[in-house]
Amino acid sequence: MHVMPVNTLYAEVAVDGMTGAANNGVLTYAVPSSLEGELGERELVWAPLRNKLTLGLVMRFSSDQP
């Protein structure tokens, strides 16, 4: 049986509270398959950061693994 690789979608998200960081506050998250096609650029999302959820803004999507 041949299994096709799963293409994971990633979102670059500017998260609240990360200003001044080396990556300019933009972190990369894997998009759950249940949300693919539901999210768009410039949408607000809740993203996990330091054991809590924080507000973030989706900047762009990529299929390239970070």
Foldseek 3Di string as FASTA:
>chain_A
DDDDDDQWKKWWKQWPPCDPPPVRRTDIDTDPPVCVVVDDAQDWDWDDDPNGTTIIGTHDMDSDDD
